[in-house]
Amino acid sequence: MRNVLVTGGSSGIGRACVARFATGGDQVWFTYRSGRERAERIVTELAGAGPEVAAFEFDQGDLASHRALIARLPGPVDVLVNNAAVGSSTVERYVDGGDMARTAAFLQINSVGPLLWSGTRSNGCRS
């Protein structure tokens, strides 16, 4: 059994990954930024699909949120699906401001956020 973490796992492609790993017998943890009720429904729906499915609130662009998530995870991560991101039409949900503020948020969430996970052993991910 593997421990799988799917960031941005409460909708779309991330949601499909959560379901696939859970039904394949993996222990699955996924993150969401908003929509706690939706995340709780997914956990309930997949309760019998695999060993464990759990949801964690998480802000991909925030270092403190990364650290808090790592501290809350029940074990090391064997598989990371780094799916959390924003697009040009969704970045406005996360930041108020002009073009430069949106661009900075876009880069922080989509570029810096994944770099915080990638290649580090201190985050609980196995190499």
C-alpha atoms as a PDB file:
ATOM      1  CA  MET A   1       0.000   0.000   0.000  1.00  0.00           C
ATOM      2  CA  ARG A   2       1.273   3.435  -0.928  1.00  0.00           C
ATOM      3  CA  ASN A   3       0.612   6.774   0.726  1.00  0.00           C
ATOM      4  CA  VAL A   4      -0.601   9.123  -2.004  1.00  0.00           C
ATOM      5  CA  LEU A   5      -0.957  12.902  -1.668  1.00  0.00           C
ATOM      6  CA  VAL A   6      -2.961  14.753  -4.311  1.00  0.00           C
ATOM      7  CA  THR A   7      -2.803  18.541  -4.025  1.00  0.00           C
ATOM      8  CA  GLY A   8      -5.895  20.222  -5.415  1.00  0.00           C
ATOM      9  CA  GLY A   9      -7.792  16.960  -5.117  1.00  0.00           C
ATOM     10  CA  SER A  10     -11.330  18.188  -4.513  1.00  0.00           C
ATOM     11  CA  SER A  11     -12.373  18.778  -8.122  1.00  0.00           C
ATOM     12  CA  GLY A  12     -11.543  18.090 -11.741  1.00  0.00           C
ATOM     13  CA  ILE A  13      -8.442  16.074 -12.578  1.00  0.00           C
ATOM     14  CA  GLY A  14      -7.338  16.034  -8.942  1.00  0.00           C
ATOM     15  CA  ARG A  15     -10.684  14.537  -7.873  1.00  0.00           C
ATOM     16  CA  ALA A  16     -10.342  11.839 -10.548  1.00  0.00           C
ATOM     17  CA  CYS A  17      -6.826  11.024  -9.282  1.00  0.00           C
ATOM     18  CA  VAL A  18      -8.072  10.726  -5.706  1.00  0.00           C
ATOM     19  CA  ALA A  19     -10.793   8.284  -6.773  1.00  0.00           C
ATOM     20  CA  ARG A  20      -8.451   6.215  -8.935  1.00  0.00           C
ATOM     21  CA  PHE A  21      -5.766   5.838  -6.269  1.00  0.00           C
ATOM     22  CA  ALA A  22      -8.364   5.072  -3.568  1.00  0.00           C
ATOM     23  CA  THR A  23     -10.110   2.405  -5.630  1.00  0.00           C
ATOM     24  CA  GLY A  24      -6.699   0.955  -6.448  1.00  0.00           C
ATOM     25  CA  GLY A  25      -6.064   0.259  -2.771  1.00  0.00           C
ATOM     26  CA  ASP A  26      -3.821   3.183  -1.893  1.00  0.00           C
ATOM     27  CA  GLN A  27      -4.094   5.334   1.193  1.00  0.00           C
ATOM     28  CA  VAL A  28      -5.013   8.743  -0.213  1.00  0.00           C
ATOM     29  CA  TRP A  29      -4.686  12.183   1.275  1.00  0.00           C
ATOM     30  CA  PHE A  30      -5.808  15.183  -0.744  1.00  0.00           C
ATOM     31  CA  THR A  31      -5.832  18.923  -0.321  1.00  0.00           C
ATOM     32  CA  TYR A  32      -8.344  21.645  -1.002  1.00  0.00           C
ATOM     33  CA  ARG A  33      -8.098  25.406  -0.645  1.00  0.00           C
ATOM     34  CA  SER A  34     -11.795  26.106  -0.284  1.00  0.00           C
ATOM     35  CA  GLY A  35     -14.911  23.989  -0.285  1.00  0.00           C
ATOM     36  CA  ARG A  36     -14.612  22.001   2.926  1.00  0.00           C
ATOM     37  CA  GLU A  37     -18.092  20.530   2.385  1.00  0.00           C
ATOM     38  CA  ARG A  38     -17.149  19.243  -1.070  1.00  0.00           C
ATOM     39  CA  ALA A  39     -13.970  17.683   0.341  1.00  0.00           C
ATOM     40  CA  GLU A  40     -15.941  16.022   3.143  1.00  0.00           C
ATOM     41  CA  ARG A  41     -18.382  14.564   0.582  1.00  0.00           C
ATOM     42  CA  ILE A  42     -15.479  13.048  -1.342  1.00  0.00           C
ATOM     43  CA  VAL A  43     -14.084  11.484   1.834  1.00  0.00           C
ATOM     44  CA  THR A  44     -17.525  10.031   2.617  1.00  0.00           C
ATOM     45  CA  GLU A  45     -18.062   8.764  -0.943  1.00  0.00           C
ATOM     46  CA  LEU A  46     -14.696   6.994  -0.994  1.00  0.00           C
ATOM     47  CA  ALA A  47     -14.772   5.725   2.603  1.00  0.00           C
ATOM     48  CA  GLY A  48     -14.973   2.072   1.561  1.00  0.00           C
ATOM     49  CA  ALA A  49     -12.797   2.357  -1.541  1.00  0.00           C
ATOM     50  CA  GLY A  50      -9.388   2.109   0.073  1.00  0.00           C
ATOM     51  CA  PRO A  51      -7.540   1.964   3.371  1.00  0.00           C
ATOM     52  CA  GLU A  52      -7.978   5.683   4.121  1.00  0.00           C
ATOM     53  CA  VAL A  53      -9.077   8.824   2.300  1.00  0.00           C
ATOM     54  CA  ALA A  54      -8.546  12.118   4.143  1.00  0.00           C
ATOM     55  CA  ALA A  55      -8.771  15.785   3.165  1.00  0.00           C
ATOM     56  CA  PHE A  56      -6.575  18.652   4.357  1.00  0.00           C
ATOM     57  CA  GLU A  57      -7.028  22.385   3.858  1.00  0.00           C
ATOM     58  CA  PHE A  58      -3.986  23.781   2.058  1.00  0.00           C
ATOM     59  CA  ASP A  59      -2.779  26.920   0.280  1.00  0.00           C
ATOM     60  CA  GLN A  60      -0.254  25.889  -2.398  1.00  0.00           C
ATOM     61  CA  GLY A  61       1.297  29.363  -2.554  1.00  0.00           C
ATOM     62  CA  ASP A  62       1.936  29.738   1.177  1.00  0.00           C
ATOM     63  CA  LEU A  63       5.061  28.320   2.835  1.00  0.00           C
ATOM     64  CA  ALA A  64       3.403  28.226   6.275  1.00  0.00           C
ATOM     65  CA  SER A  65       0.576  26.144   4.798  1.00  0.00           C
ATOM     66  CA  HIS A  66       3.126  23.694   3.349  1.00  0.00           C
ATOM     67  CA  ARG A  67       4.746  23.323   6.759  1.00  0.00           C
ATOM     68  CA  ALA A  68       1.391  22.877   8.502  1.00  0.00           C
ATOM     69  CA  LEU A  69       0.309  20.217   6.004  1.00  0.00           C
ATOM     70  CA  ILE A  70       3.556  18.281   6.401  1.00  0.00           C
ATOM     71  CA  ALA A  71       3.067  18.300  10.176  1.00  0.00           C
ATOM     72  CA  ARG A  72      -0.518  16.992   9.839  1.00  0.00           C
ATOM     73  CA  LEU A  73       0.114  14.180   7.373  1.00  0.00           C
ATOM     74  CA  PRO A  74      -0.187  10.786   9.067  1.00  0.00           C
ATOM     75  CA  GLY A  75       2.920   9.397   7.374  1.00  0.00           C
ATOM     76  CA  PRO A  76       5.468   9.793   4.598  1.00  0.00           C
ATOM     77  CA  VAL A  77       4.305  10.467   1.044  1.00  0.00           C
ATOM     78  CA  ASP A  78       5.186   7.775  -1.487  1.00  0.00           C
ATOM     79  CA  VAL A  79       3.385   9.336  -4.456  1.00  0.00           C
ATOM     80  CA  LEU A  80       2.827  13.077  -4.922  1.00  0.00           C
ATOM     81  CA  VAL A  81       0.365  14.340  -7.522  1.00  0.00           C
ATOM     82  CA  ASN A  82       1.117  18.052  -7.522  1.00  0.00           C
ATOM     83  CA  ASN A  83      -2.160  19.178  -9.057  1.00  0.00           C
ATOM     84  CA  ALA A  84      -3.029  22.378  -7.143  1.00  0.00           C
ATOM     85  CA  ALA A  85      -2.859  25.431  -9.389  1.00  0.00           C
ATOM     86  CA  VAL A  86      -4.694  28.504 -10.608  1.00  0.00           C
ATOM     87  CA  GLY A  87      -5.375  29.648 -14.130  1.00  0.00           C
ATOM     88  CA  SER A  88      -5.885  33.057 -15.664  1.00  0.00           C
ATOM     89  CA  SER A  89      -9.624  32.868 -14.973  1.00  0.00           C
ATOM     90  CA  THR A  90      -9.303  31.545 -11.394  1.00  0.00           C
ATOM     91  CA  VAL A  91      -6.379  33.543  -9.981  1.00  0.00           C
ATOM     92  CA  GLU A  92      -8.757  36.437  -9.295  1.00  0.00           C
ATOM     93  CA  ARG A  93     -10.442  34.328  -6.589  1.00  0.00           C
ATOM     94  CA  TYR A  94      -7.196  34.363  -4.625  1.00  0.00           C
ATOM     95  CA  VAL A  95      -5.909  37.894  -4.989  1.00  0.00           C
ATOM     96  CA  ASP A  96      -7.258  41.422  -5.154  1.00  0.00           C
ATOM     97  CA  GLY A  97      -5.266  43.846  -7.195  1.00  0.00           C
ATOM     98  CA  GLY A  98      -4.064  44.678 -10.641  1.00  0.00           C
ATOM     99  CA  ASP A  99      -2.209  42.718 -13.265  1.00  0.00           C
ATOM    100  CA  MET A 100       1.070  42.613 -11.335  1.00  0.00           C
ATOM    101  CA  ALA A 101      -0.607  41.252  -8.177  1.00  0.00           C
ATOM    102  CA  ARG A 102      -2.382  38.552 -10.218  1.00  0.00           C
ATOM    103  CA  THR A 103       0.851  37.670 -12.026  1.00  0.00           C
ATOM    104  CA  ALA A 104       2.748  37.411  -8.733  1.00  0.00           C
ATOM    105  CA  ALA A 105       0.030  35.173  -7.243  1.00  0.00           C
ATOM    106  CA  PHE A 106      -0.034  33.031 -10.395  1.00  0.00           C
ATOM    107  CA  LEU A 107       3.736  32.468 -10.187  1.00  0.00           C
ATOM    108  CA  GLN A 108       3.699  31.903  -6.414  1.00  0.00           C
ATOM    109  CA  ILE A 109       0.958  29.267  -6.577  1.00  0.00           C
ATOM    110  CA  ASN A 110       1.885  27.541  -9.837  1.00  0.00           C
ATOM    111  CA  SER A 111       5.687  27.737  -9.745  1.00  0.00           C
ATOM    112  CA  VAL A 112       6.990  28.366  -6.247  1.00  0.00           C
ATOM    113  CA  GLY A 113       4.378  26.125  -4.580  1.00  0.00           C
ATOM    114  CA  PRO A 114       5.373  22.985  -6.508  1.00  0.00           C
ATOM    115  CA  LEU A 115       9.064  23.786  -5.994  1.00  0.00           C
ATOM    116  CA  LEU A 116       8.483  23.670  -2.251  1.00  0.00           C
ATOM    117  CA  TRP A 117       7.558  19.988  -2.681  1.00  0.00           C
ATOM    118  CA  SER A 118       9.902  18.904  -5.415  1.00  0.00           C
ATOM    119  CA  GLY A 119      13.201  17.329  -4.531  1.00  0.00           C
ATOM    120  CA  THR A 120      13.122  17.835  -0.773  1.00  0.00           C
ATOM    121  CA  ARG A 121      13.272  15.022   1.725  1.00  0.00           C
ATOM    122  CA  SER A 122      12.259  17.319   4.596  1.00  0.00           C
ATOM    123  CA  ASN A 123       8.662  17.402   3.370  1.00  0.00           C
ATOM    124  CA  GLY A 124       8.029  13.769   4.203  1.00  0.00           C
ATOM    125  CA  CYS A 125       8.176  12.622   0.554  1.00  0.00           C
ATOM    126  CA  ARG A 126      10.222   9.544  -0.179  1.00  0.00           C
ATOM    127  CA  SER A 127      12.697   9.761  -3.035  1.00  0.00           C
END
